[in-house]
């Protein structure tokens, strides 16, 4: 397991947060691939390492709230879109 490094802005995900951060990471990865961007390209645009972005995409590390606007901008979406459900299965209304 990763060590918590709050002084560096990196905090591991607690068990109660895992579902949210895994879903967020999957959305980040989906949007990145849809735009044909590599992890390295997105990481460079955000000023973080590719390894850190990879940890975000699998839900191992928390994405800092302060990074959300920049991340959304790099991916060409709004913050609500970044945080909301994506994919065909999640966008259909249930009656």
PDB file of N, CA and C in Angstrom:
ATOM      1  N   UNK A   1       0.844  -1.196   0.000  1.00  0.00           N
ATOM      2  CA  UNK A   1       0.000   0.000   0.000  1.00  0.00           C
ATOM      3  C   UNK A   1       0.878   1.244   0.000  1.00  0.00           C
ATOM      4  N   UNK A   2       0.395   2.289  -0.620  1.00  0.00           N
ATOM      5  CA  UNK A   2       1.134   3.536  -0.677  1.00  0.00           C
ATOM      6  C   UNK A   2       1.116   4.234   0.667  1.00  0.00           C
ATOM      7  N   UNK A   3       2.162   4.955   0.941  1.00  0.00           N
ATOM      8  CA  UNK A   3       2.234   5.738   2.159  1.00  0.00           C
ATOM      9  C   UNK A   3       1.529   7.065   1.930  1.00  0.00           C
ATOM     10  N   UNK A   4       0.830   7.540   2.929  1.00  0.00           N
ATOM     11  CA  UNK A   4       0.178   8.842   2.832  1.00  0.00           C
ATOM     12  C   UNK A   4       1.232   9.932   2.915  1.00  0.00           C
ATOM     13  N   UNK A   5       1.219  10.833   1.971  1.00  0.00           N
ATOM     14  CA  UNK A   5       2.179  11.929   1.924  1.00  0.00           C
ATOM     15  C   UNK A   5       1.452  13.263   1.858  1.00  0.00           C
ATOM     16  N   UNK A   6       0.712  13.630   2.907  1.00  0.00           N
ATOM     17  CA  UNK A   6      -0.066  14.867   2.839  1.00  0.00           C
ATOM     18  C   UNK A   6       0.786  16.103   2.631  1.00  0.00           C
ATOM     19  N   UNK A   7       2.031  16.090   3.093  1.00  0.00           N
ATOM     20  CA  UNK A   7       2.880  17.264   2.924  1.00  0.00           C
ATOM     21  C   UNK A   7       3.194  17.521   1.460  1.00  0.00           C
ATOM     22  N   UNK A   8       3.104  16.468   0.623  1.00  0.00           N
ATOM     23  CA  UNK A   8       3.350  16.614  -0.801  1.00  0.00           C
ATOM     24  C   UNK A   8       2.052  16.724  -1.597  1.00  0.00           C
ATOM     25  N   UNK A   9       0.922  16.683  -0.901  1.00  0.00           N
ATOM     26  CA  UNK A   9      -0.365  16.772  -1.576  1.00  0.00           C
ATOM     27  C   UNK A   9      -0.890  15.438  -2.069  1.00  0.00           C
ATOM     28  N   UNK A  10      -0.236  14.339  -1.693  1.00  0.00           N
ATOM     29  CA  UNK A  10      -0.664  13.008  -2.113  1.00  0.00           C
ATOM     30  C   UNK A  10      -1.214  12.268  -0.912  1.00  0.00           C
ATOM     31  N   UNK A  11      -2.464  11.859  -1.010  1.00  0.00           N
ATOM     32  CA  UNK A  11      -3.066  11.079   0.062  1.00  0.00           C
ATOM     33  C   UNK A  11      -3.703   9.846  -0.531  1.00  0.00           C
ATOM     34  N   UNK A  12      -3.430   8.717   0.111  1.00  0.00           N
ATOM     35  CA  UNK A  12      -4.040   7.480  -0.364  1.00  0.00           C
ATOM     36  C   UNK A  12      -5.532   7.515  -0.073  1.00  0.00           C
ATOM     37  N   UNK A  13      -6.235   6.694  -0.782  1.00  0.00           N
ATOM     38  CA  UNK A  13      -7.683   6.617  -0.662  1.00  0.00           C
ATOM     39  C   UNK A  13      -8.029   5.651   0.467  1.00  0.00           C
ATOM     40  N   UNK A  14      -8.944   6.080   1.317  1.00  0.00           N
ATOM     41  CA  UNK A  14      -9.391   5.209   2.401  1.00  0.00           C
ATOM     42  C   UNK A  14     -10.408   4.215   1.857  1.00  0.00           C
ATOM     43  N   UNK A  15     -10.632   3.121   2.552  1.00  0.00           N
ATOM     44  CA  UNK A  15     -11.606   2.130   2.065  1.00  0.00           C
ATOM     45  C   UNK A  15     -12.994   2.716   1.790  1.00  0.00           C
ATOM     46  N   UNK A  16     -13.432   3.664   2.595  1.00  0.00           N
ATOM     47  CA  UNK A  16     -14.762   4.248   2.384  1.00  0.00           C
ATOM     48  C   UNK A  16     -14.816   5.153   1.147  1.00  0.00           C
ATOM     49  N   UNK A  17     -13.672   5.592   0.654  1.00  0.00           N
ATOM     50  CA  UNK A  17     -13.618   6.467  -0.519  1.00  0.00           C
ATOM     51  C   UNK A  17     -13.323   5.718  -1.814  1.00  0.00           C
ATOM     52  N   UNK A  18     -12.992   4.451  -1.721  1.00  0.00           N
ATOM     53  CA  UNK A  18     -12.523   3.697  -2.879  1.00  0.00           C
ATOM     54  C   UNK A  18     -13.491   3.730  -4.055  1.00  0.00           C
ATOM     55  N   UNK A  19     -14.759   3.527  -3.819  1.00  0.00           N
ATOM     56  CA  UNK A  19     -15.726   3.485  -4.920  1.00  0.00           C
ATOM     57  C   UNK A  19     -15.741   4.800  -5.696  1.00  0.00           C
ATOM     58  N   UNK A  20     -15.769   5.928  -4.973  1.00  0.00           N
ATOM     59  CA  UNK A  20     -15.790   7.234  -5.635  1.00  0.00           C
ATOM     60  C   UNK A  20     -14.529   7.467  -6.458  1.00  0.00           C
ATOM     61  N   UNK A  21     -13.357   7.237  -5.858  1.00  0.00           N
ATOM     62  CA  UNK A  21     -12.107   7.534  -6.555  1.00  0.00           C
ATOM     63  C   UNK A  21     -11.824   6.565  -7.689  1.00  0.00           C
ATOM     64  N   UNK A  22     -12.293   5.327  -7.588  1.00  0.00           N
ATOM     65  CA  UNK A  22     -12.159   4.399  -8.714  1.00  0.00           C
ATOM     66  C   UNK A  22     -13.029   4.856  -9.870  1.00  0.00           C
ATOM     67  N   UNK A  23     -14.245   5.310  -9.572  1.00  0.00           N
ATOM     68  CA  UNK A  23     -15.145   5.801 -10.622  1.00  0.00           C
ATOM     69  C   UNK A  23     -14.583   7.074 -11.255  1.00  0.00           C
ATOM     70  N   UNK A  24     -14.072   7.981 -10.434  1.00  0.00           N
ATOM     71  CA  UNK A  24     -13.473   9.211 -10.963  1.00  0.00           C
ATOM     72  C   UNK A  24     -12.271   8.866 -11.837  1.00  0.00           C
ATOM     73  N   UNK A  25     -11.427   7.977 -11.370  1.00  0.00           N
ATOM     74  CA  UNK A  25     -10.264   7.568 -12.148  1.00  0.00           C
ATOM     75  C   UNK A  25     -10.644   6.953 -13.480  1.00  0.00           C
ATOM     76  N   UNK A  26     -11.679   6.139 -13.475  1.00  0.00           N
ATOM     77  CA  UNK A  26     -12.152   5.527 -14.721  1.00  0.00           C
ATOM     78  C   UNK A  26     -12.654   6.598 -15.684  1.00  0.00           C
ATOM     79  N   UNK A  27     -13.343   7.624 -15.160  1.00  0.00           N
ATOM     80  CA  UNK A  27     -13.810   8.730 -16.015  1.00  0.00           C
ATOM     81  C   UNK A  27     -12.626   9.492 -16.598  1.00  0.00           C
ATOM     82  N   UNK A  28     -11.622   9.754 -15.771  1.00  0.00           N
ATOM     83  CA  UNK A  28     -10.427  10.460 -16.259  1.00  0.00           C
ATOM     84  C   UNK A  28      -9.787   9.660 -17.391  1.00  0.00           C
ATOM     85  N   UNK A  29      -9.605   8.364 -17.173  1.00  0.00           N
ATOM     86  CA  UNK A  29      -8.977   7.510 -18.188  1.00  0.00           C
ATOM     87  C   UNK A  29      -9.822   7.465 -19.468  1.00  0.00           C
ATOM     88  N   UNK A  30     -11.144   7.342 -19.307  1.00  0.00           N
ATOM     89  CA  UNK A  30     -12.035   7.289 -20.470  1.00  0.00           C
ATOM     90  C   UNK A  30     -11.950   8.584 -21.283  1.00  0.00           C
ATOM     91  N   UNK A  31     -12.028   9.718 -20.599  1.00  0.00           N
ATOM     92  CA  UNK A  31     -11.953  11.003 -21.297  1.00  0.00           C
ATOM     93  C   UNK A  31     -10.597  11.189 -21.964  1.00  0.00           C
ATOM     94  N   UNK A  32      -9.544  10.787 -21.293  1.00  0.00           N
ATOM     95  CA  UNK A  32      -8.191  10.911 -21.853  1.00  0.00           C
ATOM     96  C   UNK A  32      -8.071  10.073 -23.124  1.00  0.00           C
ATOM     97  N   UNK A  33      -8.523   8.837 -23.064  1.00  0.00           N
ATOM     98  CA  UNK A  33      -8.441   7.960 -24.245  1.00  0.00           C
ATOM     99  C   UNK A  33      -9.331   8.468 -25.380  1.00  0.00           C
ATOM    100  N   UNK A  34     -10.529   8.966 -25.050  1.00  0.00           N
ATOM    101  CA  UNK A  34     -11.431   9.505 -26.072  1.00  0.00           C
ATOM    102  C   UNK A  34     -10.777  10.654 -26.834  1.00  0.00           C
ATOM    103  N   UNK A  35      -9.911  11.384 -26.165  1.00  0.00           N
ATOM    104  CA  UNK A  35      -9.232  12.526 -26.785  1.00  0.00           C
ATOM    105  C   UNK A  35      -7.864  12.136 -27.349  1.00  0.00           C
ATOM    106  N   UNK A  36      -7.587  10.830 -27.306  1.00  0.00           N
ATOM    107  CA  UNK A  36      -6.333  10.282 -27.828  1.00  0.00           C
ATOM    108  C   UNK A  36      -5.113  10.953 -27.199  1.00  0.00           C
ATOM    109  N   UNK A  37      -5.188  11.148 -25.892  1.00  0.00           N
ATOM    110  CA  UNK A  37      -4.075  11.705 -25.130  1.00  0.00           C
ATOM    111  C   UNK A  37      -3.409  10.590 -24.330  1.00  0.00           C
ATOM    112  N   UNK A  38      -2.103  10.682 -24.188  1.00  0.00           N
ATOM    113  CA  UNK A  38      -1.390   9.726 -23.348  1.00  0.00           C
ATOM    114  C   UNK A  38      -1.409  10.220 -21.911  1.00  0.00           C
ATOM    115  N   UNK A  39      -1.127   9.311 -20.994  1.00  0.00           N
ATOM    116  CA  UNK A  39      -0.997   9.724 -19.599  1.00  0.00           C
ATOM    117  C   UNK A  39       0.101  10.777 -19.473  1.00  0.00           C
ATOM    118  N   UNK A  40       1.184  10.597 -20.209  1.00  0.00           N
ATOM    119  CA  UNK A  40       2.298  11.547 -20.124  1.00  0.00           C
ATOM    120  C   UNK A  40       1.877  12.938 -20.588  1.00  0.00           C
ATOM    121  N   UNK A  41       1.100  13.020 -21.654  1.00  0.00           N
ATOM    122  CA  UNK A  41       0.653  14.324 -22.150  1.00  0.00           C
ATOM    123  C   UNK A  41      -0.209  15.038 -21.112  1.00  0.00           C
ATOM    124  N   UNK A  42      -1.141  14.326 -20.518  1.00  0.00           N
ATOM    125  CA  UNK A  42      -2.007  14.932 -19.507  1.00  0.00           C
ATOM    126  C   UNK A  42      -1.189  15.315 -18.282  1.00  0.00           C
ATOM    127  N   UNK A  43      -0.319  14.425 -17.851  1.00  0.00           N
ATOM    128  CA  UNK A  43       0.525  14.708 -16.679  1.00  0.00           C
ATOM    129  C   UNK A  43       1.386  15.946 -16.914  1.00  0.00           C
ATOM    130  N   UNK A  44       1.991  16.048 -18.085  1.00  0.00           N
ATOM    131  CA  UNK A  44       2.818  17.216 -18.400  1.00  0.00           C
ATOM    132  C   UNK A  44       1.997  18.504 -18.348  1.00  0.00           C
ATOM    133  N   UNK A  45       0.781  18.453 -18.882  1.00  0.00           N
ATOM    134  CA  UNK A  45      -0.082  19.639 -18.880  1.00  0.00           C
ATOM    135  C   UNK A  45      -0.465  20.058 -17.461  1.00  0.00           C
ATOM    136  N   UNK A  46      -0.536  19.073 -16.554  1.00  0.00           N
ATOM    137  CA  UNK A  46      -0.910  19.355 -15.162  1.00  0.00           C
ATOM    138  C   UNK A  46       0.292  19.617 -14.263  1.00  0.00           C
ATOM    139  N   UNK A  47       1.486  19.341 -14.760  1.00  0.00           N
ATOM    140  CA  UNK A  47       2.683  19.535 -13.946  1.00  0.00           C
ATOM    141  C   UNK A  47       2.866  18.454 -12.892  1.00  0.00           C
ATOM    142  N   UNK A  48       2.404  17.234 -13.201  1.00  0.00           N
ATOM    143  CA  UNK A  48       2.558  16.106 -12.294  1.00  0.00           C
ATOM    144  C   UNK A  48       3.272  14.989 -13.044  1.00  0.00           C
ATOM    145  N   UNK A  49       3.665  13.952 -12.343  1.00  0.00           N
ATOM    146  CA  UNK A  49       4.309  12.827 -13.014  1.00  0.00           C
ATOM    147  C   UNK A  49       3.271  11.913 -13.648  1.00  0.00           C
ATOM    148  N   UNK A  50       3.721  11.160 -14.645  1.00  0.00           N
ATOM    149  CA  UNK A  50       2.845  10.181 -15.288  1.00  0.00           C
ATOM    150  C   UNK A  50       2.405   9.135 -14.277  1.00  0.00           C
ATOM    151  N   UNK A  51       3.288   8.774 -13.371  1.00  0.00           N
ATOM    152  CA  UNK A  51       2.973   7.772 -12.348  1.00  0.00           C
ATOM    153  C   UNK A  51       1.842   8.266 -11.438  1.00  0.00           C
ATOM    154  N   UNK A  52       1.863   9.536 -11.076  1.00  0.00           N
ATOM    155  CA  UNK A  52       0.798  10.099 -10.249  1.00  0.00           C
ATOM    156  C   UNK A  52      -0.534  10.040 -10.985  1.00  0.00           C
ATOM    157  N   UNK A  53      -0.532  10.414 -12.269  1.00  0.00           N
ATOM    158  CA  UNK A  53      -1.775  10.336 -13.050  1.00  0.00           C
ATOM    159  C   UNK A  53      -2.264   8.892 -13.123  1.00  0.00           C
ATOM    160  N   UNK A  54      -1.354   7.962 -13.301  1.00  0.00           N
ATOM    161  CA  UNK A  54      -1.740   6.545 -13.340  1.00  0.00           C
ATOM    162  C   UNK A  54      -2.408   6.139 -12.027  1.00  0.00           C
ATOM    163  N   UNK A  55      -1.881   6.616 -10.898  1.00  0.00           N
ATOM    164  CA  UNK A  55      -2.496   6.321  -9.599  1.00  0.00           C
ATOM    165  C   UNK A  55      -3.886   6.955  -9.491  1.00  0.00           C
ATOM    166  N   UNK A  56      -4.067   8.150 -10.053  1.00  0.00           N
ATOM    167  CA  UNK A  56      -5.392   8.765 -10.074  1.00  0.00           C
ATOM    168  C   UNK A  56      -6.359   7.903 -10.883  1.00  0.00           C
ATOM    169  N   UNK A  57      -5.905   7.435 -12.038  1.00  0.00           N
ATOM    170  CA  UNK A  57      -6.784   6.701 -12.947  1.00  0.00           C
ATOM    171  C   UNK A  57      -7.251   5.367 -12.380  1.00  0.00           C
ATOM    172  N   UNK A  58      -6.492   4.774 -11.487  1.00  0.00           N
ATOM    173  CA  UNK A  58      -6.934   3.508 -10.888  1.00  0.00           C
ATOM    174  C   UNK A  58      -7.513   3.707  -9.496  1.00  0.00           C
ATOM    175  N   UNK A  59      -7.575   4.952  -9.041  1.00  0.00           N
ATOM    176  CA  UNK A  59      -8.206   5.257  -7.769  1.00  0.00           C
ATOM    177  C   UNK A  59      -7.356   5.006  -6.545  1.00  0.00           C
ATOM    178  N   UNK A  60      -6.027   4.973  -6.701  1.00  0.00           N
ATOM    179  CA  UNK A  60      -5.144   4.764  -5.550  1.00  0.00           C
ATOM    180  C   UNK A  60      -4.850   6.049  -4.788  1.00  0.00           C
ATOM    181  N   UNK A  61      -4.871   7.169  -5.486  1.00  0.00           N
ATOM    182  CA  UNK A  61      -4.603   8.461  -4.863  1.00  0.00           C
ATOM    183  C   UNK A  61      -5.787   9.391  -5.066  1.00  0.00           C
ATOM    184  N   UNK A  62      -6.006  10.255  -4.096  1.00  0.00           N
ATOM    185  CA  UNK A  62      -7.048  11.280  -4.212  1.00  0.00           C
ATOM    186  C   UNK A  62      -6.595  12.348  -5.194  1.00  0.00           C
ATOM    187  N   UNK A  63      -7.504  12.781  -6.030  1.00  0.00           N
ATOM    188  CA  UNK A  63      -7.249  13.923  -6.901  1.00  0.00           C
ATOM    189  C   UNK A  63      -7.558  15.168  -6.081  1.00  0.00           C
ATOM    190  N   UNK A  64      -6.602  16.065  -5.974  1.00  0.00           N
ATOM    191  CA  UNK A  64      -6.808  17.284  -5.197  1.00  0.00           C
ATOM    192  C   UNK A  64      -7.936  18.109  -5.812  1.00  0.00           C
ATOM    193  N   UNK A  65      -8.794  18.623  -4.984  1.00  0.00           N
ATOM    194  CA  UNK A  65      -9.915  19.443  -5.457  1.00  0.00           C
ATOM    195  C   UNK A  65      -9.389  20.627  -6.262  1.00  0.00           C
ATOM    196  N   UNK A  66      -8.276  21.181  -5.840  1.00  0.00           N
ATOM    197  CA  UNK A  66      -7.708  22.333  -6.539  1.00  0.00           C
ATOM    198  C   UNK A  66      -7.244  21.982  -7.956  1.00  0.00           C
ATOM    199  N   UNK A  67      -7.042  20.701  -8.241  1.00  0.00           N
ATOM    200  CA  UNK A  67      -6.592  20.276  -9.560  1.00  0.00           C
ATOM    201  C   UNK A  67      -7.752  20.032 -10.525  1.00  0.00           C
ATOM    202  N   UNK A  68      -8.955  19.891 -10.007  1.00  0.00           N
ATOM    203  CA  UNK A  68     -10.096  19.543 -10.856  1.00  0.00           C
ATOM    204  C   UNK A  68     -10.335  20.516 -12.014  1.00  0.00           C
ATOM    205  N   UNK A  69     -10.303  21.839 -11.798  1.00  0.00           N
ATOM    206  CA  UNK A  69     -10.514  22.737 -12.944  1.00  0.00           C
ATOM    207  C   UNK A  69      -9.459  22.566 -14.039  1.00  0.00           C
ATOM    208  N   UNK A  70      -8.194  22.419 -13.649  1.00  0.00           N
ATOM    209  CA  UNK A  70      -7.140  22.228 -14.645  1.00  0.00           C
ATOM    210  C   UNK A  70      -7.291  20.893 -15.358  1.00  0.00           C
ATOM    211  N   UNK A  71      -7.592  19.847 -14.610  1.00  0.00           N
ATOM    212  CA  UNK A  71      -7.780  18.525 -15.196  1.00  0.00           C
ATOM    213  C   UNK A  71      -8.951  18.531 -16.168  1.00  0.00           C
ATOM    214  N   UNK A  72     -10.054  19.134 -15.758  1.00  0.00           N
ATOM    215  CA  UNK A  72     -11.219  19.233 -16.643  1.00  0.00           C
ATOM    216  C   UNK A  72     -10.857  20.018 -17.908  1.00  0.00           C
ATOM    217  N   UNK A  73     -10.107  21.096 -17.751  1.00  0.00           N
ATOM    218  CA  UNK A  73      -9.696  21.896 -18.903  1.00  0.00           C
ATOM    219  C   UNK A  73      -8.832  21.118 -19.879  1.00  0.00           C
ATOM    220  N   UNK A  74      -7.881  20.363 -19.356  1.00  0.00           N
ATOM    221  CA  UNK A  74      -7.011  19.551 -20.213  1.00  0.00           C
ATOM    222  C   UNK A  74      -7.839  18.521 -20.985  1.00  0.00           C
ATOM    223  N   UNK A  75      -8.857  17.978 -20.319  1.00  0.00           N
ATOM    224  CA  UNK A  75      -9.691  16.956 -20.951  1.00  0.00           C
ATOM    225  C   UNK A  75     -10.844  17.551 -21.764  1.00  0.00           C
ATOM    226  N   UNK A  76     -10.990  18.884 -21.719  1.00  0.00           N
ATOM    227  CA  UNK A  76     -12.002  19.550 -22.538  1.00  0.00           C
ATOM    228  C   UNK A  76     -13.424  19.380 -22.050  1.00  0.00           C
ATOM    229  N   UNK A  77     -13.590  19.256 -20.734  1.00  0.00           N
ATOM    230  CA  UNK A  77     -14.927  19.109 -20.158  1.00  0.00           C
ATOM    231  C   UNK A  77     -15.064  20.065 -18.975  1.00  0.00           C
ATOM    232  N   UNK A  78     -16.283  20.187 -18.464  1.00  0.00           N
ATOM    233  CA  UNK A  78     -16.507  20.973 -17.256  1.00  0.00           C
ATOM    234  C   UNK A  78     -16.209  20.103 -16.035  1.00  0.00           C
ATOM    235  N   UNK A  79     -16.030  20.725 -14.891  1.00  0.00           N
ATOM    236  CA  UNK A  79     -15.822  19.978 -13.649  1.00  0.00           C
ATOM    237  C   UNK A  79     -17.033  19.094 -13.347  1.00  0.00           C
ATOM    238  N   UNK A  80     -18.283  19.585 -13.479  1.00  0.00           N
ATOM    239  CA  UNK A  80     -19.419  18.690 -13.235  1.00  0.00           C
ATOM    240  C   UNK A  80     -19.420  17.462 -14.152  1.00  0.00           C
ATOM    241  N   UNK A  81     -19.018  17.634 -15.403  1.00  0.00           N
ATOM    242  CA  UNK A  81     -18.937  16.499 -16.309  1.00  0.00           C
ATOM    243  C   UNK A  81     -17.859  15.529 -15.847  1.00  0.00           C
ATOM    244  N   UNK A  82     -16.734  16.072 -15.411  1.00  0.00           N
ATOM    245  CA  UNK A  82     -15.651  15.228 -14.906  1.00  0.00           C
ATOM    246  C   UNK A  82     -16.105  14.421 -13.697  1.00  0.00           C
ATOM    247  N   UNK A  83     -16.875  15.026 -12.820  1.00  0.00           N
ATOM    248  CA  UNK A  83     -17.320  14.359 -11.598  1.00  0.00           C
ATOM    249  C   UNK A  83     -18.575  13.519 -11.777  1.00  0.00           C
ATOM    250  N   UNK A  84     -19.338  13.785 -12.836  1.00  0.00           N
ATOM    251  CA  UNK A  84     -20.596  13.082 -13.038  1.00  0.00           C
ATOM    252  C   UNK A  84     -20.422  11.774 -13.778  1.00  0.00           C
ATOM    253  N   UNK A  85     -21.503  11.008 -13.898  1.00  0.00           N
ATOM    254  CA  UNK A  85     -21.428   9.718 -14.579  1.00  0.00           C
ATOM    255  C   UNK A  85     -21.167   9.870 -16.067  1.00  0.00           C
ATOM    256  N   UNK A  86     -20.390   8.951 -16.607  1.00  0.00           N
ATOM    257  CA  UNK A  86     -20.084   8.914 -18.035  1.00  0.00           C
ATOM    258  C   UNK A  86     -20.416   7.540 -18.578  1.00  0.00           C
ATOM    259  N   UNK A  87     -20.380   7.424 -19.865  1.00  0.00           N
ATOM    260  CA  UNK A  87     -20.582   6.121 -20.487  1.00  0.00           C
ATOM    261  C   UNK A  87     -22.038   5.905 -20.843  1.00  0.00           C
ATOM    262  N   UNK A  88     -22.261   5.082 -21.835  1.00  0.00           N
ATOM    263  CA  UNK A  88     -23.618   4.837 -22.312  1.00  0.00           C
ATOM    264  C   UNK A  88     -24.498   4.219 -21.244  1.00  0.00           C
ATOM    265  N   UNK A  89     -23.954   3.318 -20.464  1.00  0.00           N
ATOM    266  CA  UNK A  89     -24.755   2.647 -19.435  1.00  0.00           C
ATOM    267  C   UNK A  89     -25.201   3.610 -18.349  1.00  0.00           C
ATOM    268  N   UNK A  90     -24.422   4.638 -18.093  1.00  0.00           N
ATOM    269  CA  UNK A  90     -24.747   5.570 -17.017  1.00  0.00           C
ATOM    270  C   UNK A  90     -25.557   6.772 -17.448  1.00  0.00           C
ATOM    271  N   UNK A  91     -25.689   6.991 -18.742  1.00  0.00           N
ATOM    272  CA  UNK A  91     -26.375   8.202 -19.197  1.00  0.00           C
ATOM    273  C   UNK A  91     -27.829   7.965 -19.544  1.00  0.00           C
ATOM    274  N   UNK A  92     -28.284   6.726 -19.589  1.00  0.00           N
ATOM    275  CA  UNK A  92     -29.675   6.451 -19.905  1.00  0.00           C
ATOM    276  C   UNK A  92     -30.547   6.636 -18.669  1.00  0.00           C
ATOM    277  N   UNK A  93     -31.704   7.216 -18.884  1.00  0.00           N
ATOM    278  CA  UNK A  93     -32.619   7.444 -17.776  1.00  0.00           C
ATOM    279  C   UNK A  93     -33.353   6.155 -17.440  1.00  0.00           C
ATOM    280  N   UNK A  94     -33.591   5.983 -16.176  1.00  0.00           N
ATOM    281  CA  UNK A  94     -34.398   4.856 -15.723  1.00  0.00           C
ATOM    282  C   UNK A  94     -35.777   5.358 -15.395  1.00  0.00           C
ATOM    283  N   UNK A  95     -36.767   4.614 -15.798  1.00  0.00           N
ATOM    284  CA  UNK A  95     -38.158   5.023 -15.549  1.00  0.00           C
ATOM    285  C   UNK A  95     -38.718   4.178 -14.438  1.00  0.00           C
TER     286      UNK A  95
END
